C-alpha atoms as a PDB file:
ATOM      1  CA  MET A   1      83.246  -9.062  40.109  1.00  0.00           C
ATOM      2  CA  SER A   2      82.878  -5.310  40.053  1.00  0.00           C
ATOM      3  CA  SER A   3      82.439  -3.330  43.208  1.00  0.00           C
ATOM      4  CA  GLY A   4      79.269  -1.822  41.729  1.00  0.00           C
ATOM      5  CA  CYS A   5      77.619  -5.209  41.632  1.00  0.00           C
ATOM      6  CA  VAL A   6      78.701  -6.002  45.170  1.00  0.00           C
ATOM      7  CA  GLY A   7      77.295  -2.773  46.535  1.00  0.00           C
ATOM      8  CA  SER A   8      73.916  -2.890  44.826  1.00  0.00           C
ATOM      9  CA  SER A   9      70.647  -4.566  45.694  1.00  0.00           C
ATOM     10  CA  VAL A  10      70.694  -6.307  42.301  1.00  0.00           C
ATOM     11  CA  PHE A  11      73.733  -8.353  43.261  1.00  0.00           C
ATOM     12  CA  MET A  12      72.314 -11.627  41.962  1.00  0.00           C
ATOM     13  CA  ALA A  13      71.517 -10.097  38.569  1.00  0.00           C
ATOM     14  CA  CYS A  14      75.075  -8.783  38.211  1.00  0.00           C
ATOM     15  CA  VAL A  15      76.788 -12.110  38.760  1.00  0.00           C
ATOM     16  CA  ILE A  16      77.073 -14.887  36.214  1.00  0.00           C
ATOM     17  CA  PRO A  17      75.897 -18.173  37.832  1.00  0.00           C
ATOM     18  CA  GLY A  18      78.876 -20.372  38.456  1.00  0.00           C
ATOM     19  CA  SER A  19      81.333 -17.516  38.975  1.00  0.00           C
ATOM     20  CA  TRP A  20      80.712 -16.973  42.666  1.00  0.00           C
ATOM     21  CA  GLY A  21      83.214 -17.831  45.291  1.00  0.00           C
ATOM     22  CA  GLY A  22      83.383 -17.672  49.037  1.00  0.00           C
ATOM     23  CA  PRO A  23      85.220 -14.319  49.198  1.00  0.00           C
ATOM     24  CA  GLU A  24      82.718 -12.635  46.860  1.00  0.00           C
ATOM     25  CA  VAL A  25      79.686 -13.779  48.809  1.00  0.00           C
ATOM     26  CA  GLU A  26      81.325 -12.872  52.121  1.00  0.00           C
ATOM     27  CA  HIS A  27      82.143  -9.442  50.676  1.00  0.00           C
ATOM     28  CA  PHE A  28      78.535  -8.945  49.659  1.00  0.00           C
ATOM     29  CA  LEU A  29      77.165 -10.061  53.043  1.00  0.00           C
ATOM     30  CA  ALA A  30      79.638  -7.832  54.850  1.00  0.00           C
ATOM     31  CA  HIS A  31      78.491  -4.912  52.694  1.00  0.00           C
ATOM     32  CA  LEU A  32      74.881  -5.586  53.684  1.00  0.00           C
ATOM     33  CA  ALA A  33      75.769  -5.575  57.361  1.00  0.00           C
ATOM     34  CA  THR A  34      78.239  -2.688  57.524  1.00  0.00           C
ATOM     35  CA  VAL A  35      77.106  -0.305  54.773  1.00  0.00           C
ATOM     36  CA  GLU A  36      73.405  -0.925  54.244  1.00  0.00           C
ATOM     37  CA  GLY A  37      72.843  -1.897  57.876  1.00  0.00           C
ATOM     38  CA  VAL A  38      70.292  -4.627  57.201  1.00  0.00           C
ATOM     39  CA  ALA A  39      68.841  -6.634  60.057  1.00  0.00           C
ATOM     40  CA  ALA A  40      69.639 -10.279  60.741  1.00  0.00           C
ATOM     41  CA  SER A  41      66.590 -11.638  58.900  1.00  0.00           C
ATOM     42  CA  PRO A  42      67.276 -10.102  55.443  1.00  0.00           C
ATOM     43  CA  HIS A  43      70.964 -10.893  55.968  1.00  0.00           C
ATOM     44  CA  ARG A  44      70.099 -14.579  56.337  1.00  0.00           C
ATOM     45  CA  GLN A  45      67.815 -14.361  53.284  1.00  0.00           C
ATOM     46  CA  ALA A  46      70.672 -12.915  51.223  1.00  0.00           C
ATOM     47  CA  LEU A  47      72.796 -15.904  52.194  1.00  0.00           C
ATOM     48  CA  ALA A  48      69.991 -18.379  51.525  1.00  0.00           C
ATOM     49  CA  ALA A  49      69.433 -17.080  47.979  1.00  0.00           C
ATOM     50  CA  PRO A  50      72.731 -18.265  46.417  1.00  0.00           C
ATOM     51  CA  LEU A  51      72.556 -21.439  48.488  1.00  0.00           C
ATOM     52  CA  TYR A  52      69.129 -22.232  47.034  1.00  0.00           C
ATOM     53  CA  LEU A  53      70.212 -21.269  43.495  1.00  0.00           C
ATOM     54  CA  TYR A  54      73.195 -23.586  43.479  1.00  0.00           C
ATOM     55  CA  ARG A  55      71.590 -26.472  45.334  1.00  0.00           C
ATOM     56  CA  HIS A  56      68.143 -26.601  43.687  1.00  0.00           C
ATOM     57  CA  VAL A  57      68.544 -24.785  40.331  1.00  0.00           C
ATOM     58  CA  ILE A  58      72.105 -25.375  39.184  1.00  0.00           C
ATOM     59  CA  GLY A  59      72.382 -28.653  41.079  1.00  0.00           C
ATOM     60  CA  VAL A  60      75.797 -27.986  42.621  1.00  0.00           C
ATOM     61  CA  GLU A  61      76.697 -28.279  46.281  1.00  0.00           C
ATOM     62  CA  LEU A  62      78.980 -25.534  47.607  1.00  0.00           C
ATOM     63  CA  PRO A  63      80.515 -26.616  50.922  1.00  0.00           C
ATOM     64  CA  TRP A  64      81.866 -23.129  51.603  1.00  0.00           C
ATOM     65  CA  LEU A  65      78.342 -21.647  51.566  1.00  0.00           C
ATOM     66  CA  THR A  66      77.257 -23.731  54.523  1.00  0.00           C
ATOM     67  CA  SER A  67      80.383 -22.741  56.458  1.00  0.00           C
ATOM     68  CA  ILE A  68      79.607 -19.014  56.295  1.00  0.00           C
ATOM     69  CA  GLY A  69      78.273 -17.901  59.662  1.00  0.00           C
ATOM     70  CA  ARG A  70      74.649 -16.846  59.998  1.00  0.00           C
ATOM     71  CA  PRO A  71      73.925 -13.639  61.888  1.00  0.00           C
ATOM     72  CA  ARG A  72      71.853 -14.010  65.008  1.00  0.00           C
ATOM     73  CA  ALA A  73      68.846 -11.845  65.596  1.00  0.00           C
ATOM     74  CA  PRO A  74      69.261  -9.663  68.698  1.00  0.00           C
ATOM     75  CA  ILE A  75      67.221 -10.680  71.718  1.00  0.00           C
ATOM     76  CA  ARG A  76      64.789  -7.891  72.505  1.00  0.00           C
ATOM     77  CA  VAL A  77      63.041  -7.500  75.828  1.00  0.00           C
ATOM     78  CA  PRO A  78      59.298  -7.498  75.089  1.00  0.00           C
ATOM     79  CA  VAL A  79      57.136  -4.494  75.903  1.00  0.00           C
ATOM     80  CA  VAL A  80      54.942  -5.318  78.899  1.00  0.00           C
ATOM     81  CA  LEU A  81      52.132  -3.250  80.358  1.00  0.00           C
ATOM     82  CA  SER A  82      51.465  -3.057  84.064  1.00  0.00           C
ATOM     83  CA  ARG A  83      48.126  -4.292  85.342  1.00  0.00           C
ATOM     84  CA  ASP A  84      46.976  -0.706  85.744  1.00  0.00           C
ATOM     85  CA  GLU A  85      47.974   0.096  82.157  1.00  0.00           C
ATOM     86  CA  VAL A  86      46.103  -2.959  80.889  1.00  0.00           C
ATOM     87  CA  ALA A  87      42.973  -1.869  82.765  1.00  0.00           C
ATOM     88  CA  ARG A  88      43.246   1.664  81.344  1.00  0.00           C
ATOM     89  CA  LEU A  89      43.838   0.334  77.851  1.00  0.00           C
ATOM     90  CA  LEU A  90      40.867  -2.037  77.882  1.00  0.00           C
ATOM     91  CA  ALA A  91      38.628   0.712  79.233  1.00  0.00           C
ATOM     92  CA  ALA A  92      39.723   2.991  76.373  1.00  0.00           C
ATOM     93  CA  VAL A  93      39.241   0.457  73.557  1.00  0.00           C
ATOM     94  CA  ASP A  94      36.239   1.039  71.310  1.00  0.00           C
ATOM     95  CA  PRO A  95      33.363  -1.135  72.622  1.00  0.00           C
ATOM     96  CA  GLU A  96      33.168  -3.222  69.443  1.00  0.00           C
ATOM     97  CA  TYR A  97      36.799  -4.318  69.883  1.00  0.00           C
ATOM     98  CA  ARG A  98      36.995  -4.512  73.672  1.00  0.00           C
ATOM     99  CA  LEU A  99      36.136  -8.209  73.845  1.00  0.00           C
ATOM    100  CA  ILE A 100      38.862  -9.078  71.338  1.00  0.00           C
ATOM    101  CA  ALA A 101      41.434  -7.077  73.307  1.00  0.00           C
ATOM    102  CA  SER A 102      40.261  -8.700  76.535  1.00  0.00           C
ATOM    103  CA  ILE A 103      40.744 -12.190  75.082  1.00  0.00           C
ATOM    104  CA  LEU A 104      44.213 -11.287  73.825  1.00  0.00           C
ATOM    105  CA  TYR A 105      45.193 -10.388  77.377  1.00  0.00           C
ATOM    106  CA  GLY A 106      42.968 -12.813  79.290  1.00  0.00           C
ATOM    107  CA  ALA A 107      43.974 -15.939  77.337  1.00  0.00           C
ATOM    108  CA  GLY A 108      47.289 -14.930  75.767  1.00  0.00           C
ATOM    109  CA  LEU A 109      46.156 -15.480  72.192  1.00  0.00           C
ATOM    110  CA  ARG A 110      47.872 -14.126  69.128  1.00  0.00           C
ATOM    111  CA  LEU A 111      45.722 -11.725  67.136  1.00  0.00           C
ATOM    112  CA  ARG A 112      45.206 -14.130  64.247  1.00  0.00           C
ATOM    113  CA  GLU A 113      44.343 -16.957  66.649  1.00  0.00           C
ATOM    114  CA  CYS A 114      41.690 -14.797  68.274  1.00  0.00           C
ATOM    115  CA  LEU A 115      40.111 -13.518  65.068  1.00  0.00           C
ATOM    116  CA  THR A 116      39.898 -17.002  63.517  1.00  0.00           C
ATOM    117  CA  LEU A 117      38.163 -18.619  66.488  1.00  0.00           C
ATOM    118  CA  ARG A 118      35.139 -20.710  65.504  1.00  0.00           C
ATOM    119  CA  VAL A 119      31.935 -21.114  67.482  1.00  0.00           C
ATOM    120  CA  LYS A 120      32.825 -24.752  68.193  1.00  0.00           C
ATOM    121  CA  ASP A 121      36.135 -23.658  69.772  1.00  0.00           C
ATOM    122  CA  ILE A 122      34.404 -22.020  72.747  1.00  0.00           C
ATOM    123  CA  ASP A 123      33.534 -24.527  75.492  1.00  0.00           C
ATOM    124  CA  PHE A 124      31.519 -22.744  78.171  1.00  0.00           C
ATOM    125  CA  ASP A 125      30.876 -25.925  80.177  1.00  0.00           C
ATOM    126  CA  ARG A 126      34.575 -26.698  80.621  1.00  0.00           C
ATOM    127  CA  GLY A 127      35.646 -23.055  80.685  1.00  0.00           C
ATOM    128  CA  ILE A 128      38.216 -23.414  77.910  1.00  0.00           C
ATOM    129  CA  ILE A 129      39.064 -22.090  74.459  1.00  0.00           C
ATOM    130  CA  ILE A 130      40.531 -24.511  71.920  1.00  0.00           C
ATOM    131  CA  VAL A 131      43.055 -22.852  69.632  1.00  0.00           C
ATOM    132  CA  HIS A 132      43.408 -24.676  66.327  1.00  0.00           C
ATOM    133  CA  GLY A 133      46.261 -24.173  63.892  1.00  0.00           C
ATOM    134  CA  GLY A 134      48.398 -21.907  66.032  1.00  0.00           C
ATOM    135  CA  LYS A 135      51.965 -20.996  65.125  1.00  0.00           C
ATOM    136  CA  GLY A 136      53.642 -24.061  63.678  1.00  0.00           C
ATOM    137  CA  GLY A 137      50.244 -25.682  63.085  1.00  0.00           C
ATOM    138  CA  ARG A 138      49.941 -26.709  66.738  1.00  0.00           C
ATOM    139  CA  ASP A 139      46.651 -26.874  68.639  1.00  0.00           C
ATOM    140  CA  ARG A 140      46.390 -25.981  72.313  1.00  0.00           C
ATOM    141  CA  VAL A 141      43.867 -25.333  75.057  1.00  0.00           C
ATOM    142  CA  VAL A 142      43.701 -22.075  77.022  1.00  0.00           C
ATOM    143  CA  MET A 143      41.435 -20.797  79.759  1.00  0.00           C
ATOM    144  CA  LEU A 144      38.154 -18.997  79.141  1.00  0.00           C
ATOM    145  CA  PRO A 145      38.251 -16.120  81.652  1.00  0.00           C
ATOM    146  CA  LEU A 146      35.115 -15.999  83.779  1.00  0.00           C
ATOM    147  CA  PRO A 147      34.457 -12.246  83.241  1.00  0.00           C
ATOM    148  CA  LEU A 148      34.367 -12.803  79.477  1.00  0.00           C
ATOM    149  CA  ARG A 149      31.740 -15.543  79.371  1.00  0.00           C
ATOM    150  CA  ASP A 150      28.664 -13.312  79.275  1.00  0.00           C
ATOM    151  CA  PRO A 151      30.215 -10.883  76.735  1.00  0.00           C
ATOM    152  CA  LEU A 152      31.167 -13.891  74.596  1.00  0.00           C
ATOM    153  CA  ARG A 153      27.601 -15.201  74.700  1.00  0.00           C
ATOM    154  CA  ALA A 154      26.376 -11.789  73.556  1.00  0.00           C
ATOM    155  CA  GLU A 155      28.969 -11.760  70.759  1.00  0.00           C
ATOM    156  CA  LEU A 156      27.871 -15.221  69.660  1.00  0.00           C
ATOM    157  CA  ALA A 157      24.262 -14.044  69.533  1.00  0.00           C
ATOM    158  CA  HIS A 158      25.340 -11.249  67.181  1.00  0.00           C
ATOM    159  CA  ALA A 159      27.388 -13.684  65.106  1.00  0.00           C
ATOM    160  CA  HIS A 160      24.373 -16.001  64.865  1.00  0.00           C
ATOM    161  CA  THR A 161      22.321 -13.149  63.412  1.00  0.00           C
ATOM    162  CA  LEU A 162      24.911 -12.640  60.673  1.00  0.00           C
ATOM    163  CA  TRP A 163      25.093 -16.387  60.089  1.00  0.00           C
ATOM    164  CA  ALA A 164      21.308 -16.555  59.661  1.00  0.00           C
ATOM    165  CA  GLN A 165      21.459 -13.668  57.174  1.00  0.00           C
ATOM    166  CA  ASP A 166      24.088 -15.493  55.135  1.00  0.00           C
ATOM    167  CA  ARG A 167      22.000 -18.658  55.041  1.00  0.00           C
ATOM    168  CA  ALA A 168      18.986 -16.691  53.795  1.00  0.00           C
ATOM    169  CA  LEU A 169      21.032 -15.002  51.046  1.00  0.00           C
ATOM    170  CA  PRO A 170      23.194 -16.491  48.268  1.00  0.00           C
ATOM    171  CA  THR A 171      26.338 -16.077  50.369  1.00  0.00           C
ATOM    172  CA  ALA A 172      28.800 -18.952  50.639  1.00  0.00           C
ATOM    173  CA  GLY A 173      29.864 -20.247  54.023  1.00  0.00           C
ATOM    174  CA  VAL A 174      32.976 -19.133  55.841  1.00  0.00           C
ATOM    175  CA  GLU A 175      36.419 -20.253  54.787  1.00  0.00           C
ATOM    176  CA  ILE A 176      37.638 -23.538  56.238  1.00  0.00           C
ATOM    177  CA  PRO A 177      40.842 -25.523  55.593  1.00  0.00           C
ATOM    178  CA  ASP A 178      40.923 -27.084  52.124  1.00  0.00           C
ATOM    179  CA  ALA A 179      41.177 -30.684  53.271  1.00  0.00           C
ATOM    180  CA  LEU A 180      38.147 -30.327  55.511  1.00  0.00           C
ATOM    181  CA  SER A 181      36.167 -28.502  52.838  1.00  0.00           C
ATOM    182  CA  ARG A 182      36.581 -31.514  50.562  1.00  0.00           C
ATOM    183  CA  LYS A 183      35.761 -34.014  53.283  1.00  0.00           C
ATOM    184  CA  TYR A 184      32.820 -32.035  54.714  1.00  0.00           C
ATOM    185  CA  PRO A 185      31.430 -29.902  51.851  1.00  0.00           C
ATOM    186  CA  ARG A 186      28.646 -28.376  53.974  1.00  0.00           C
ATOM    187  CA  ALA A 187      30.789 -27.617  57.006  1.00  0.00           C
ATOM    188  CA  SER A 188      31.491 -24.068  55.841  1.00  0.00           C
ATOM    189  CA  GLU A 189      27.780 -23.270  56.137  1.00  0.00           C
ATOM    190  CA  SER A 190      27.307 -24.823  59.579  1.00  0.00           C
ATOM    191  CA  TRP A 191      26.919 -22.736  62.723  1.00  0.00           C
ATOM    192  CA  GLY A 192      29.730 -24.549  64.524  1.00  0.00           C
ATOM    193  CA  TRP A 193      32.298 -23.470  61.902  1.00  0.00           C
ATOM    194  CA  HIS A 194      31.133 -19.852  61.823  1.00  0.00           C
ATOM    195  CA  TRP A 195      33.479 -17.140  63.081  1.00  0.00           C
ATOM    196  CA  VAL A 196      33.149 -15.923  66.651  1.00  0.00           C
ATOM    197  CA  PHE A 197      34.179 -12.495  65.378  1.00  0.00           C
ATOM    198  CA  PRO A 198      32.733 -12.213  61.850  1.00  0.00           C
ATOM    199  CA  ALA A 199      33.085  -9.112  59.719  1.00  0.00           C
ATOM    200  CA  GLU A 200      29.944  -7.046  59.337  1.00  0.00           C
ATOM    201  CA  ARG A 201      29.970  -7.392  55.554  1.00  0.00           C
ATOM    202  CA  ALA A 202      30.574 -10.283  53.206  1.00  0.00           C
ATOM    203  CA  ALA A 203      33.386  -9.934  50.684  1.00  0.00           C
ATOM    204  CA  VAL A 204      34.702 -11.687  47.601  1.00  0.00           C
ATOM    205  CA  ASP A 205      37.565 -14.060  48.372  1.00  0.00           C
ATOM    206  CA  ARG A 206      40.418 -12.988  46.091  1.00  0.00           C
ATOM    207  CA  ARG A 207      41.791 -16.520  45.829  1.00  0.00           C
ATOM    208  CA  SER A 208      38.582 -18.387  45.027  1.00  0.00           C
ATOM    209  CA  GLY A 209      36.382 -15.565  43.721  1.00  0.00           C
ATOM    210  CA  VAL A 210      33.609 -16.760  46.055  1.00  0.00           C
ATOM    211  CA  ARG A 211      31.578 -14.267  48.036  1.00  0.00           C
ATOM    212  CA  ARG A 212      31.714 -15.249  51.705  1.00  0.00           C
ATOM    213  CA  ARG A 213      31.900 -13.637  55.147  1.00  0.00           C
ATOM    214  CA  PRO A 214      35.438 -13.181  56.493  1.00  0.00           C
ATOM    215  CA  CYS A 215      36.448 -12.776  60.100  1.00  0.00           C
ATOM    216  CA  GLN A 216      37.272  -9.316  61.399  1.00  0.00           C
ATOM    217  CA  TYR A 217      40.409  -7.753  59.981  1.00  0.00           C
ATOM    218  CA  ALA A 218      43.642  -7.648  61.964  1.00  0.00           C
ATOM    219  CA  GLN A 219      44.499  -4.146  60.735  1.00  0.00           C
ATOM    220  CA  THR A 220      41.222  -2.781  62.092  1.00  0.00           C
ATOM    221  CA  VAL A 221      41.864  -4.239  65.544  1.00  0.00           C
ATOM    222  CA  SER A 222      45.465  -2.994  65.533  1.00  0.00           C
ATOM    223  CA  ARG A 223      44.332   0.534  64.742  1.00  0.00           C
ATOM    224  CA  ALA A 224      41.751   0.338  67.535  1.00  0.00           C
ATOM    225  CA  LEU A 225      44.492  -0.599  70.019  1.00  0.00           C
ATOM    226  CA  THR A 226      46.645   2.294  68.821  1.00  0.00           C
ATOM    227  CA  ARG A 227      43.769   4.730  69.378  1.00  0.00           C
ATOM    228  CA  ALA A 228      43.079   3.244  72.803  1.00  0.00           C
ATOM    229  CA  SER A 229      46.696   3.547  73.951  1.00  0.00           C
ATOM    230  CA  ALA A 230      46.633   7.236  73.014  1.00  0.00           C
ATOM    231  CA  ARG A 231      43.394   7.783  74.939  1.00  0.00           C
ATOM    232  CA  ALA A 232      44.811   5.949  77.956  1.00  0.00           C
ATOM    233  CA  ALA A 233      47.993   8.090  77.830  1.00  0.00           C
ATOM    234  CA  ILE A 234      50.221   5.017  77.586  1.00  0.00           C
ATOM    235  CA  THR A 235      53.622   6.007  76.243  1.00  0.00           C
ATOM    236  CA  LYS A 236      54.746   2.455  75.499  1.00  0.00           C
ATOM    237  CA  ARG A 237      54.230   1.078  72.015  1.00  0.00           C
ATOM    238  CA  VAL A 238      51.088  -1.036  72.259  1.00  0.00           C
ATOM    239  CA  THR A 239      50.242  -3.779  69.783  1.00  0.00           C
ATOM    240  CA  ALA A 240      48.099  -6.886  69.994  1.00  0.00           C
ATOM    241  CA  HIS A 241      51.217  -8.866  70.896  1.00  0.00           C
ATOM    242  CA  THR A 242      51.895  -6.502  73.802  1.00  0.00           C
ATOM    243  CA  LEU A 243      48.789  -7.895  75.497  1.00  0.00           C
ATOM    244  CA  ARG A 244      50.102 -11.432  74.988  1.00  0.00           C
ATOM    245  CA  HIS A 245      53.454 -10.424  76.515  1.00  0.00           C
ATOM    246  CA  SER A 246      51.624  -8.849  79.448  1.00  0.00           C
ATOM    247  CA  PHE A 247      49.534 -12.027  79.926  1.00  0.00           C
ATOM    248  CA  ALA A 248      52.648 -14.190  80.218  1.00  0.00           C
ATOM    249  CA  THR A 249      54.549 -11.777  82.450  1.00  0.00           C
ATOM    250  CA  HIS A 250      51.670 -11.260  84.861  1.00  0.00           C
ATOM    251  CA  LEU A 251      51.149 -15.027  85.151  1.00  0.00           C
ATOM    252  CA  LEU A 252      54.831 -15.451  85.932  1.00  0.00           C
ATOM    253  CA  GLU A 253      54.659 -12.723  88.575  1.00  0.00           C
ATOM    254  CA  SER A 254      51.650 -14.517  90.101  1.00  0.00           C
ATOM    255  CA  GLY A 255      53.728 -17.651  90.618  1.00  0.00           C
ATOM    256  CA  VAL A 256      52.469 -19.767  87.709  1.00  0.00           C
ATOM    257  CA  ASP A 257      55.028 -22.369  86.640  1.00  0.00           C
ATOM    258  CA  ILE A 258      56.902 -21.388  83.497  1.00  0.00           C
ATOM    259  CA  ARG A 259      56.208 -24.779  81.916  1.00  0.00           C
ATOM    260  CA  ARG A 260      52.487 -24.128  82.258  1.00  0.00           C
ATOM    261  CA  ILE A 261      52.931 -20.687  80.697  1.00  0.00           C
ATOM    262  CA  GLN A 262      54.833 -22.334  77.849  1.00  0.00           C
ATOM    263  CA  GLU A 263      51.829 -24.584  77.194  1.00  0.00           C
ATOM    264  CA  LEU A 264      49.372 -21.700  77.323  1.00  0.00           C
ATOM    265  CA  LEU A 265      51.438 -19.661  74.869  1.00  0.00           C
ATOM    266  CA  GLY A 266      52.044 -22.600  72.544  1.00  0.00           C
ATOM    267  CA  HIS A 267      55.833 -22.280  72.589  1.00  0.00           C
ATOM    268  CA  THR A 268      57.766 -25.305  71.333  1.00  0.00           C
ATOM    269  CA  ASP A 269      60.804 -24.588  73.510  1.00  0.00           C
ATOM    270  CA  VAL A 270      60.719 -23.286  77.052  1.00  0.00           C
ATOM    271  CA  SER A 271      63.712 -21.087  76.220  1.00  0.00           C
ATOM    272  CA  THR A 272      61.330 -18.884  74.220  1.00  0.00           C
ATOM    273  CA  THR A 273      59.152 -18.470  77.293  1.00  0.00           C
ATOM    274  CA  MET A 274      62.156 -17.691  79.489  1.00  0.00           C
ATOM    275  CA  ILE A 275      62.366 -14.186  78.012  1.00  0.00           C
ATOM    276  CA  TYR A 276      59.547 -13.165  80.353  1.00  0.00           C
ATOM    277  CA  THR A 277      61.741 -13.835  83.375  1.00  0.00           C
ATOM    278  CA  HIS A 278      63.723 -10.744  82.368  1.00  0.00           C
ATOM    279  CA  VAL A 279      60.762  -8.351  82.398  1.00  0.00           C
ATOM    280  CA  ARG A 280      58.803  -9.403  85.472  1.00  0.00           C
ATOM    281  CA  SER A 281      58.780  -6.736  88.150  1.00  0.00           C
ATOM    282  CA  SER A 282      59.915  -9.162  90.868  1.00  0.00           C
ATOM    283  CA  HIS A 283      63.094  -9.711  88.856  1.00  0.00           C
ATOM    284  CA  VAL A 284      64.428  -6.341  90.056  1.00  0.00           C
ATOM    285  CA  THR A 285      62.171  -5.572  92.988  1.00  0.00           C
ATOM    286  CA  GLY A 286      64.084  -5.896  96.232  1.00  0.00           C
ATOM    287  CA  THR A 287      67.462  -5.246  94.627  1.00  0.00           C
ATOM    288  CA  ARG A 288      68.699  -2.020  96.097  1.00  0.00           C
ATOM    289  CA  SER A 289      70.476   0.407  93.824  1.00  0.00           C
ATOM    290  CA  PRO A 290      73.929   1.528  95.050  1.00  0.00           C
ATOM    291  CA  LEU A 291      72.787   5.113  94.507  1.00  0.00           C
ATOM    292  CA  GLU A 292      70.461   4.733  97.501  1.00  0.00           C
ATOM    293  CA  SER A 293      73.440   4.239  99.836  1.00  0.00           C
ATOM    294  CA  LEU A 294      75.014   7.603  99.003  1.00  0.00           C
ATOM    295  CA  PRO A 295      74.527  10.625 101.290  1.00  0.00           C
ATOM    296  CA  ASP A 296      71.525  12.818 100.499  1.00  0.00           C
ATOM    297  CA  ILE A 297      73.771  15.801  99.879  1.00  0.00           C
ATOM    298  CA  VAL A 298      75.459  13.920  97.049  1.00  0.00           C
ATOM    299  CA  THR A 299      72.292  12.613  95.411  1.00  0.00           C
ATOM    300  CA  SER A 300      70.305  15.837  95.676  1.00  0.00           C
ATOM    301  CA  THR A 301      69.959  17.636  92.357  1.00  0.00           C
ATOM    302  CA  ALA A 302      69.115  21.205  91.526  1.00  0.00           C
ATOM    303  CA  PRO A 303      66.427  22.058  88.981  1.00  0.00           C
ATOM    304  CA  ARG A 304      67.556  23.350  85.621  1.00  0.00           C
END
């Protein structure tokens, strides 16, 4: 194998299937890590490619491929806003997106989970939101914050107006999972399956070619949060997931059991939820820095 093939992104095209060996693949993976500086995820994909080729295309098992170590993704501390920063951010969000941002923080939803909420998922009587098809296809139940109930009713009234317009025009119903669309053909046109946050305009579905009304777009909400963080003079990088991180951290600081937070977030393993123990303010509050024990004359600094 030539060094040019090893050092290029077209490595797989340069190698004749069947000629690979453990040293060559390890050389290539080491090149990715040390020279090209790829992250752990594409590094694992580069290892999975020859493994898939040999196992499922060529039909040969290579024991040495499975023995090559997989790089671990670094554990990053999530960005968390303080309660004051959350209040400033929500106040600065454009009014048409403020309710979405408030639900992201108030119920800890992912952005996609929030935007794909259906009318039937909001239970005002029980004060809950039912999240269907979350990450990993898991359903869960989260709280419906009391301050958001009246704004949600107003949003549903607006959504009902758009739903009525669609029923009066030759516009197909909203998208629903394929299995349910076959079992309940008219469900897509029912009010219960309509989006809580529908887009203002119908659009042609690129997959089916059917004109229907989508939910609001994630990119639009993300841009609104970016504008709001600038208005609120928040220097931290703010995304929709930042509000979810802040939700979990603030619950933990309030004394909520971490197992309960795990359920609210929809995490399979509590170890995923444990990351928030590293960013809560009480984790470091009360621990005195050794710098504070030095004499004032030592710690005093002169301006530049």
